[in-house]
Amino acid sequence: MAKYLEDWLDTDVAEAEKLSIGQLSNQFFFRDPTRPNYIDFEHFYSPADGTILYQKFIEDPTEPIVEIKGINYTLQDAMCDKTYNKPSLVIGIFLSF
């Protein structure tokens, strides 16, 4: 289930702050857990252990969907296609190392 960024920082990240760089690498980077395969058309599952931050339906592909370092990006920018003009569901996913 998605969390607000502040809640995630207060819970999951707060625990990780107590670990050294070596412990972080061993615990989070070099892991290979068995991952279940889900087939469920009612829910979204984030790839690569990512966290779903938001989902929104975009009617106008020229409307900014995200701002990164003060620059607005549209759906057309994300698709690398200035002719893209279809309404779309946009899902924001946070991936950590």
N, C-alpha and C. Protein backbone atom coordinates (compact mmCIF):
# COMPACT_ATOMS: atom_id res chain seq x y z
N MET A 1 0.84 -1.18 0.00
CA MET A 1 0.00 0.00 0.00
C MET A 1 0.89 1.24 0.00
N ALA A 2 0.51 2.23 -0.77
CA ALA A 2 1.29 3.46 -0.87
C ALA A 2 1.28 4.22 0.45
N LYS A 3 2.39 4.89 0.72
CA LYS A 3 2.52 5.72 1.92
C LYS A 3 2.80 7.15 1.48
N TYR A 4 2.45 8.08 2.33
CA TYR A 4 2.89 9.44 2.10
C TYR A 4 4.39 9.50 2.30
N LEU A 5 5.06 10.37 1.57
CA LEU A 5 6.51 10.46 1.65
C LEU A 5 6.96 10.73 3.08
N GLU A 6 6.27 11.62 3.78
CA GLU A 6 6.65 11.94 5.16
C GLU A 6 6.54 10.71 6.07
N ASP A 7 5.48 9.90 5.88
CA ASP A 7 5.31 8.69 6.68
C ASP A 7 6.42 7.69 6.40
N TRP A 8 6.79 7.55 5.12
CA TRP A 8 7.84 6.63 4.73
C TRP A 8 9.17 7.05 5.35
N LEU A 9 9.44 8.38 5.32
CA LEU A 9 10.69 8.88 5.91
C LEU A 9 10.72 8.64 7.42
N ASP A 10 9.56 8.82 8.07
CA ASP A 10 9.49 8.65 9.53
C ASP A 10 9.58 7.19 9.97
N THR A 11 9.21 6.25 9.10
CA THR A 11 9.20 4.84 9.50
C THR A 11 10.37 4.09 8.87
N ASP A 12 10.27 3.76 7.61
CA ASP A 12 11.27 2.91 6.94
C ASP A 12 12.65 3.56 6.89
N VAL A 13 12.70 4.82 6.50
CA VAL A 13 13.98 5.49 6.35
C VAL A 13 14.63 5.73 7.71
N ALA A 14 13.84 6.04 8.72
CA ALA A 14 14.38 6.29 10.06
C ALA A 14 15.14 5.08 10.58
N GLU A 15 14.64 3.88 10.30
CA GLU A 15 15.33 2.66 10.72
C GLU A 15 16.65 2.48 9.96
N ALA A 16 16.64 2.81 8.67
CA ALA A 16 17.84 2.64 7.85
C ALA A 16 18.93 3.64 8.22
N GLU A 17 18.55 4.79 8.76
CA GLU A 17 19.54 5.80 9.13
C GLU A 17 20.48 5.31 10.23
N LYS A 18 20.07 4.31 10.99
CA LYS A 18 20.88 3.78 12.09
C LYS A 18 21.98 2.84 11.61
N LEU A 19 21.92 2.41 10.34
CA LEU A 19 22.88 1.44 9.81
C LEU A 19 24.07 2.12 9.14
N SER A 20 25.21 1.44 9.16
CA SER A 20 26.39 1.94 8.45
C SER A 20 26.23 1.66 6.95
N ILE A 21 27.10 2.27 6.15
CA ILE A 21 27.04 2.06 4.69
C ILE A 21 27.21 0.58 4.36
N GLY A 22 28.12 -0.10 5.03
CA GLY A 22 28.33 -1.53 4.79
C GLY A 22 27.09 -2.35 5.11
N GLN A 23 26.47 -2.04 6.23
CA GLN A 23 25.24 -2.77 6.60
C GLN A 23 24.12 -2.48 5.61
N LEU A 24 24.00 -1.23 5.17
CA LEU A 24 22.97 -0.88 4.18
C LEU A 24 23.19 -1.67 2.88
N SER A 25 24.45 -1.73 2.43
CA SER A 25 24.76 -2.46 1.20
C SER A 25 24.41 -3.94 1.34
N ASN A 26 24.81 -4.53 2.44
CA ASN A 26 24.55 -5.96 2.63
C ASN A 26 23.07 -6.26 2.77
N GLN A 27 22.35 -5.41 3.47
CA GLN A 27 20.95 -5.69 3.75
C GLN A 27 20.04 -5.35 2.58
N PHE A 28 20.32 -4.26 1.85
CA PHE A 28 19.38 -3.80 0.84
C PHE A 28 19.86 -3.96 -0.60
N PHE A 29 21.15 -3.78 -0.86
CA PHE A 29 21.61 -3.81 -2.23
C PHE A 29 21.85 -5.22 -2.74
N PHE A 30 22.53 -6.04 -1.97
CA PHE A 30 22.89 -7.38 -2.42
C PHE A 30 21.89 -8.42 -1.97
N ARG A 31 20.63 -8.16 -2.14
CA ARG A 31 19.62 -9.13 -1.71
C ARG A 31 18.97 -9.74 -2.94
N ASP A 32 18.52 -10.93 -2.80
CA ASP A 32 17.88 -11.62 -3.91
C ASP A 32 16.73 -12.46 -3.36
N PRO A 33 15.74 -11.81 -2.79
CA PRO A 33 14.63 -12.60 -2.24
C PRO A 33 13.75 -13.17 -3.35
N THR A 34 13.08 -14.24 -3.03
CA THR A 34 12.10 -14.79 -3.96
C THR A 34 10.93 -13.81 -4.05
N ARG A 35 10.55 -13.51 -5.26
CA ARG A 35 9.45 -12.56 -5.46
C ARG A 35 8.26 -13.31 -6.05
N PRO A 36 7.11 -13.10 -5.46
CA PRO A 36 5.92 -13.75 -6.01
C PRO A 36 5.47 -13.08 -7.30
N ASN A 37 4.83 -13.83 -8.15
CA ASN A 37 4.24 -13.29 -9.36
C ASN A 37 2.76 -13.06 -9.10
N TYR A 38 2.32 -11.84 -9.33
CA TYR A 38 0.92 -11.51 -9.11
C TYR A 38 0.21 -11.33 -10.44
N ILE A 39 -0.96 -11.89 -10.53
CA ILE A 39 -1.84 -11.61 -11.65
C ILE A 39 -3.14 -11.16 -11.02
N ASP A 40 -3.32 -9.87 -11.00
CA ASP A 40 -4.48 -9.28 -10.35
C ASP A 40 -4.81 -8.00 -11.10
N PHE A 41 -5.89 -8.00 -11.82
CA PHE A 41 -6.24 -6.86 -12.65
C PHE A 41 -6.94 -5.75 -11.87
N GLU A 42 -7.08 -5.92 -10.57
CA GLU A 42 -7.72 -4.94 -9.72
C GLU A 42 -6.68 -4.02 -9.04
N HIS A 43 -5.39 -4.40 -9.03
CA HIS A 43 -4.37 -3.67 -8.28
C HIS A 43 -3.13 -3.44 -9.13
N PHE A 44 -2.34 -2.44 -8.71
CA PHE A 44 -1.04 -2.18 -9.32
C PHE A 44 0.04 -2.71 -8.38
N TYR A 45 1.05 -3.32 -8.95
CA TYR A 45 2.20 -3.77 -8.17
C TYR A 45 3.43 -3.09 -8.74
N SER A 46 4.22 -2.53 -7.87
CA SER A 46 5.39 -1.78 -8.29
C SER A 46 6.54 -2.73 -8.65
N PRO A 47 7.25 -2.45 -9.73
CA PRO A 47 8.39 -3.29 -10.10
C PRO A 47 9.60 -3.00 -9.22
N ALA A 48 10.48 -3.95 -9.13
CA ALA A 48 11.80 -3.78 -8.50
C ALA A 48 11.73 -3.23 -7.09
N ASP A 49 10.78 -3.68 -6.30
CA ASP A 49 10.64 -3.24 -4.91
C ASP A 49 10.41 -1.74 -4.79
N GLY A 50 9.90 -1.12 -5.81
CA GLY A 50 9.61 0.31 -5.76
C GLY A 50 8.36 0.59 -4.93
N THR A 51 8.18 1.85 -4.63
CA THR A 51 7.03 2.30 -3.87
C THR A 51 6.18 3.18 -4.77
N ILE A 52 4.91 2.83 -4.91
CA ILE A 52 4.01 3.64 -5.72
C ILE A 52 3.69 4.91 -4.94
N LEU A 53 4.04 6.06 -5.52
CA LEU A 53 3.81 7.34 -4.86
C LEU A 53 2.48 7.96 -5.23
N TYR A 54 2.09 7.83 -6.49
CA TYR A 54 0.83 8.43 -6.92
C TYR A 54 0.36 7.75 -8.20
N GLN A 55 -0.91 7.95 -8.47
CA GLN A 55 -1.48 7.57 -9.76
C GLN A 55 -2.49 8.65 -10.12
N LYS A 56 -2.46 9.06 -11.37
CA LYS A 56 -3.42 10.07 -11.80
C LYS A 56 -3.72 9.89 -13.28
N PHE A 57 -4.93 10.25 -13.62
CA PHE A 57 -5.38 10.14 -15.00
C PHE A 57 -5.14 11.49 -15.67
N ILE A 58 -4.43 11.48 -16.79
CA ILE A 58 -4.08 12.70 -17.51
C ILE A 58 -4.91 12.76 -18.79
N GLU A 59 -5.74 13.78 -18.89
CA GLU A 59 -6.54 14.00 -20.11
C GLU A 59 -5.72 14.72 -21.18
N ASP A 60 -4.95 15.72 -20.75
CA ASP A 60 -4.18 16.56 -21.66
C ASP A 60 -2.71 16.18 -21.57
N PRO A 61 -2.14 15.56 -22.61
CA PRO A 61 -0.74 15.11 -22.55
C PRO A 61 0.27 16.25 -22.53
N THR A 62 -0.19 17.50 -22.70
CA THR A 62 0.72 18.64 -22.60
C THR A 62 0.72 19.23 -21.19
N GLU A 63 -0.12 18.69 -20.30
CA GLU A 63 -0.17 19.12 -18.90
C GLU A 63 1.04 18.55 -18.15
N PRO A 64 1.74 19.37 -17.36
CA PRO A 64 2.88 18.85 -16.60
C PRO A 64 2.44 17.74 -15.64
N ILE A 65 3.21 16.66 -15.61
CA ILE A 65 2.88 15.55 -14.70
C ILE A 65 3.85 15.48 -13.53
N VAL A 66 5.06 16.02 -13.72
CA VAL A 66 6.05 15.98 -12.64
C VAL A 66 7.01 17.16 -12.82
N GLU A 67 7.54 17.64 -11.70
CA GLU A 67 8.56 18.69 -11.74
C GLU A 67 9.83 18.12 -11.14
N ILE A 68 10.93 18.23 -11.88
CA ILE A 68 12.22 17.74 -11.40
C ILE A 68 13.21 18.89 -11.50
N LYS A 69 13.74 19.28 -10.35
CA LYS A 69 14.72 20.37 -10.27
C LYS A 69 14.22 21.63 -10.97
N GLY A 70 12.94 21.95 -10.74
CA GLY A 70 12.36 23.18 -11.28
C GLY A 70 11.92 23.11 -12.72
N ILE A 71 12.04 21.96 -13.35
CA ILE A 71 11.62 21.80 -14.74
C ILE A 71 10.38 20.91 -14.79
N ASN A 72 9.33 21.40 -15.45
CA ASN A 72 8.11 20.61 -15.61
C ASN A 72 8.24 19.67 -16.80
N TYR A 73 7.77 18.44 -16.61
CA TYR A 73 7.78 17.44 -17.67
C TYR A 73 6.35 17.01 -17.95
N THR A 74 6.03 16.88 -19.21
CA THR A 74 4.69 16.46 -19.64
C THR A 74 4.70 14.98 -20.00
N LEU A 75 3.53 14.45 -20.25
CA LEU A 75 3.42 13.06 -20.71
C LEU A 75 4.11 12.90 -22.06
N GLN A 76 4.00 13.92 -22.90
CA GLN A 76 4.67 13.86 -24.19
C GLN A 76 6.19 13.80 -24.00
N ASP A 77 6.71 14.51 -23.01
CA ASP A 77 8.15 14.45 -22.73
C ASP A 77 8.53 13.04 -22.27
N ALA A 78 7.72 12.46 -21.37
CA ALA A 78 8.01 11.13 -20.84
C ALA A 78 7.95 10.07 -21.94
N MET A 79 7.04 10.25 -22.88
CA MET A 79 6.90 9.28 -23.98
C MET A 79 7.89 9.57 -25.11
N CYS A 80 8.60 10.72 -25.04
CA CYS A 80 9.51 11.14 -26.10
C CYS A 80 8.79 11.20 -27.44
N ASP A 81 7.56 11.71 -27.41
CA ASP A 81 6.73 11.78 -28.61
C ASP A 81 5.84 13.01 -28.50
N LYS A 82 6.21 14.07 -29.21
CA LYS A 82 5.44 15.32 -29.16
C LYS A 82 4.08 15.20 -29.83
N THR A 83 3.82 14.10 -30.55
CA THR A 83 2.51 13.91 -31.19
C THR A 83 1.57 13.06 -30.33
N TYR A 84 2.07 12.54 -29.20
CA TYR A 84 1.23 11.69 -28.34
C TYR A 84 0.07 12.53 -27.80
N ASN A 85 -1.16 12.04 -27.99
CA ASN A 85 -2.33 12.84 -27.58
C ASN A 85 -3.44 12.00 -26.97
N LYS A 86 -3.12 10.89 -26.33
CA LYS A 86 -4.14 10.02 -25.75
C LYS A 86 -4.25 10.25 -24.24
N PRO A 87 -5.47 10.21 -23.70
CA PRO A 87 -5.61 10.23 -22.24
C PRO A 87 -4.90 9.00 -21.66
N SER A 88 -4.23 9.18 -20.53
CA SER A 88 -3.41 8.09 -20.00
C SER A 88 -3.42 8.08 -18.48
N LEU A 89 -3.22 6.91 -17.93
CA LEU A 89 -3.03 6.74 -16.50
C LEU A 89 -1.53 6.82 -16.23
N VAL A 90 -1.13 7.74 -15.36
CA VAL A 90 0.29 7.93 -15.03
C VAL A 90 0.50 7.45 -13.60
N ILE A 91 1.52 6.62 -13.41
CA ILE A 91 1.82 6.07 -12.09
C ILE A 91 3.24 6.48 -11.74
N GLY A 92 3.41 7.15 -10.59
CA GLY A 92 4.73 7.56 -10.13
C GLY A 92 5.28 6.53 -9.16
N ILE A 93 6.50 6.07 -9.43
CA ILE A 93 7.12 5.03 -8.61
C ILE A 93 8.48 5.53 -8.12
N PHE A 94 8.74 5.37 -6.83
CA PHE A 94 10.03 5.70 -6.25
C PHE A 94 10.85 4.43 -6.15
N LEU A 95 12.05 4.47 -6.72
CA LEU A 95 12.97 3.33 -6.63
C LEU A 95 14.18 3.76 -5.83
N SER A 96 14.53 2.99 -4.82
CA SER A 96 15.72 3.28 -4.03
C SER A 96 16.81 2.29 -4.42
N PHE A 97 18.03 2.56 -3.99
CA PHE A 97 19.09 1.62 -4.34
C PHE A 97 18.88 0.35 -3.54
